[in-house]
Amino acid sequence: MADDTRQSSSSPQNARPVPKGPANIMPGGTAHTAGGIPADYEPSYVDAVKSLGPEYYLNFHKRPCVRDSQLMGIGAGFVGMGLAAILRRPVMMCCHYAVFSWVGVSCVSYQYCQYQRSREKKGMQMARDLMEQKRANFEAKREARRKAREDQERLEEERRKEEERRTSWSYWFKTNTRFW
């Protein structure tokens, strides 16, 4: 009889349906996300541009290195267009040369400027650390000199008190007179 119950529970008609995935999935999500965003979602370039907001683009010219790199790029664009014109390229190709040289030189000079700024920041941080270390060293030496001076003054005060005690009558009286 026990074998009959085993067979009936393992038969395909009585078996429970197997779930297709984890039971705790949010609608529109996957098992590995808590916010309901599908795992196959990849933000596009347009999403990244929209996420920066208008202030990012309106104040672009105020960022460091942008002005210098743009000026260098504009100059390089004129040079590229001029060289293409001297080589008797068509007008559209001259324009392409100008744009590509402007973009290339602007990007390279911007990156170089950022590299120089990072080196300068590291140098300034090293100088600040060095100055703090020197200041701490100077303060430690000053504290050591102050303690040495206090010890010297204390010893001098003790020596002066001992000298006063020895020159007083009570010292002479105690050392030279004995009653028993």
Protein backbone atom coordinates (compact mmCIF):
# COMPACT_ATOMS: atom_id res chain seq x y z
CA MET A 1 0.00 0.00 0.00
CA ALA A 2 2.82 2.38 0.77
CA ASP A 3 4.27 1.66 -2.65
CA ASP A 4 0.98 2.66 -4.24
CA THR A 5 1.02 6.09 -2.56
CA ARG A 6 4.55 6.66 -3.70
CA GLN A 7 3.71 5.84 -7.25
CA SER A 8 0.64 8.02 -7.29
CA SER A 9 2.53 11.06 -5.91
CA SER A 10 5.34 10.64 -8.42
CA SER A 11 3.02 10.20 -11.36
CA PRO A 12 2.85 13.10 -13.81
CA GLN A 13 -0.83 13.72 -13.20
CA ASN A 14 -0.36 14.44 -9.47
CA ALA A 15 2.93 16.38 -9.71
CA ARG A 16 3.00 20.11 -8.93
CA PRO A 17 3.95 22.43 -11.77
CA VAL A 18 7.61 23.50 -11.70
CA PRO A 19 8.01 27.30 -11.50
CA LYS A 20 9.68 28.95 -14.48
CA GLY A 21 11.78 31.28 -12.32
CA PRO A 22 12.17 32.64 -8.81
CA ALA A 23 8.95 33.44 -7.01
CA ASN A 24 10.04 36.85 -5.70
CA ILE A 25 10.39 38.71 -9.00
CA MET A 26 8.92 42.18 -9.27
CA PRO A 27 6.73 42.87 -12.30
CA GLY A 28 8.94 43.97 -15.17
CA GLY A 29 12.13 42.97 -13.35
CA THR A 30 14.39 40.01 -12.84
CA ALA A 31 15.49 37.99 -9.86
CA HIS A 32 18.69 40.02 -9.54
CA THR A 33 17.26 43.53 -9.42
CA ALA A 34 15.53 45.23 -6.52
CA GLY A 35 14.14 48.17 -8.46
CA GLY A 36 12.22 46.31 -11.14
CA ILE A 37 14.58 47.31 -13.97
CA PRO A 38 15.14 44.47 -16.40
CA ALA A 39 18.68 43.10 -16.48
CA ASP A 40 18.95 43.57 -20.23
CA TYR A 41 18.38 47.35 -19.95
CA GLU A 42 21.38 49.34 -21.14
CA PRO A 43 21.21 53.14 -20.97
CA SER A 44 21.70 54.77 -24.33
CA TYR A 45 23.79 57.78 -25.19
CA VAL A 46 20.62 59.89 -25.33
CA ASP A 47 19.71 58.81 -21.77
CA ALA A 48 23.16 59.84 -20.56
CA VAL A 49 22.90 63.24 -22.28
CA LYS A 50 19.44 63.83 -20.79
CA SER A 51 20.58 62.88 -17.30
CA LEU A 52 23.17 65.68 -17.18
CA GLY A 53 20.60 68.47 -17.32
CA PRO A 54 20.68 71.92 -18.93
CA GLU A 55 23.07 73.52 -16.38
CA TYR A 56 25.80 71.14 -17.48
CA TYR A 57 25.60 72.39 -21.05
CA LEU A 58 24.90 76.04 -20.29
CA ASN A 59 28.00 76.35 -18.10
CA PHE A 60 30.27 74.26 -20.29
CA HIS A 61 32.49 77.22 -21.13
CA LYS A 62 33.19 77.89 -17.44
CA ARG A 63 34.95 74.59 -16.85
CA PRO A 64 38.75 74.57 -16.65
CA CYS A 65 40.70 73.79 -19.83
CA VAL A 66 37.67 74.15 -22.12
CA ARG A 67 38.40 77.67 -23.35
CA ASP A 68 42.06 76.99 -24.11
CA SER A 69 41.36 73.71 -25.87
CA GLN A 70 38.58 75.26 -27.97
CA LEU A 71 40.80 78.14 -29.02
CA MET A 72 43.53 75.72 -30.03
CA GLY A 73 40.97 73.60 -31.90
CA ILE A 74 39.63 76.62 -33.80
CA GLY A 75 43.15 77.55 -34.84
CA ALA A 76 43.82 73.98 -35.92
CA GLY A 77 40.55 74.00 -37.90
CA PHE A 78 41.66 77.07 -39.83
CA VAL A 79 45.04 75.48 -40.49
CA GLY A 80 43.44 72.21 -41.66
CA MET A 81 41.02 74.05 -43.93
CA GLY A 82 43.82 76.22 -45.30
CA LEU A 83 46.03 73.22 -46.07
CA ALA A 84 43.14 71.47 -47.83
CA ALA A 85 42.45 74.60 -49.86
CA ILE A 86 46.14 74.94 -50.80
CA LEU A 87 46.09 71.31 -51.95
CA ARG A 88 43.08 72.20 -54.16
CA ARG A 89 40.59 69.92 -52.42
CA PRO A 90 36.89 70.49 -52.99
CA VAL A 91 35.10 72.90 -50.64
CA MET A 92 33.22 70.14 -48.82
CA MET A 93 36.45 68.25 -48.19
CA CYS A 94 38.06 71.48 -46.89
CA CYS A 95 35.17 71.78 -44.45
CA HIS A 96 35.67 68.17 -43.36
CA TYR A 97 39.37 68.81 -42.78
CA ALA A 98 38.50 71.88 -40.69
CA VAL A 99 35.98 70.05 -38.52
CA PHE A 100 38.10 66.97 -37.98
CA SER A 101 41.22 68.97 -37.13
CA TRP A 102 39.14 71.17 -34.77
CA VAL A 103 37.67 68.13 -32.98
CA GLY A 104 40.95 66.23 -32.82
CA VAL A 105 43.10 69.10 -31.56
CA SER A 106 40.42 70.25 -29.10
CA CYS A 107 40.10 66.78 -27.58
CA VAL A 108 43.84 66.21 -27.37
CA SER A 109 44.58 69.62 -25.88
CA TYR A 110 41.72 69.25 -23.37
CA GLN A 111 43.04 65.88 -22.22
CA TYR A 112 46.57 67.23 -21.99
CA CYS A 113 45.35 70.20 -19.93
CA GLN A 114 43.47 67.86 -17.59
CA TYR A 115 46.61 65.73 -17.24
CA GLN A 116 48.66 68.81 -16.35
CA ARG A 117 46.03 69.89 -13.82
CA SER A 118 46.07 66.47 -12.16
CA ARG A 119 49.86 66.59 -11.94
CA GLU A 120 49.66 70.06 -10.44
CA LYS A 121 47.06 68.88 -7.90
CA LYS A 122 49.30 65.98 -6.90
CA GLY A 123 52.25 68.35 -6.53
CA MET A 124 50.19 70.74 -4.43
CA GLN A 125 49.00 67.87 -2.25
CA MET A 126 52.57 66.69 -1.77
CA ALA A 127 53.65 70.24 -0.87
CA ARG A 128 50.75 70.56 1.59
CA ASP A 129 51.68 67.22 3.20
CA LEU A 130 55.32 68.28 3.39
CA MET A 131 54.39 71.59 5.01
CA GLU A 132 52.16 69.82 7.55
CA GLN A 133 54.97 67.40 8.32
CA LYS A 134 57.44 70.26 8.76
CA ARG A 135 54.97 72.15 10.93
CA ALA A 136 54.44 69.08 13.12
CA ASN A 137 58.20 68.56 13.35
CA PHE A 138 58.71 72.22 14.25
CA GLU A 139 55.97 72.05 16.90
CA ALA A 140 57.53 68.89 18.38
CA LYS A 141 60.93 70.60 18.58
CA ARG A 142 59.36 73.70 20.14
CA GLU A 143 57.54 71.53 22.70
CA ALA A 144 60.79 69.67 23.51
CA ARG A 145 62.63 73.00 23.99
CA ARG A 146 59.82 74.28 26.22
CA LYS A 147 59.93 71.13 28.39
CA ALA A 148 63.72 71.30 28.60
CA ARG A 149 63.49 74.97 29.62
CA GLU A 150 60.85 74.15 32.27
CA ASP A 151 63.01 71.32 33.62
CA GLN A 152 66.03 73.63 33.70
CA GLU A 153 64.04 76.33 35.50
CA ARG A 154 62.71 73.76 37.99
CA LEU A 155 66.21 72.46 38.70
CA GLU A 156 67.50 76.03 39.02
CA GLU A 157 64.70 76.84 41.45
CA GLU A 158 65.48 73.74 43.52
CA ARG A 159 69.17 74.61 43.55
CA ARG A 160 68.41 78.20 44.61
CA LYS A 161 66.11 77.01 47.41
CA GLU A 162 68.77 74.58 48.64
CA GLU A 163 71.35 77.36 48.58
CA GLU A 164 69.04 79.66 50.56
CA ARG A 165 68.40 76.91 53.05
CA ARG A 166 72.11 76.32 53.53
CA THR A 167 72.87 79.99 54.05
CA SER A 168 70.14 80.44 56.64
CA TRP A 169 70.75 80.35 60.42
CA SER A 170 68.46 77.40 60.90
CA TYR A 171 70.64 75.20 58.68
CA TRP A 172 73.77 76.23 60.62
CA PHE A 173 72.00 75.75 63.88
CA LYS A 174 70.68 72.28 62.96
CA THR A 175 74.01 71.01 61.64
CA ASN A 176 76.30 72.46 64.37
CA THR A 177 74.33 72.07 67.53
CA ARG A 178 73.33 68.74 68.89
CA PHE A 179 71.52 68.25 72.08
CA TRP A 180 71.93 64.56 72.45
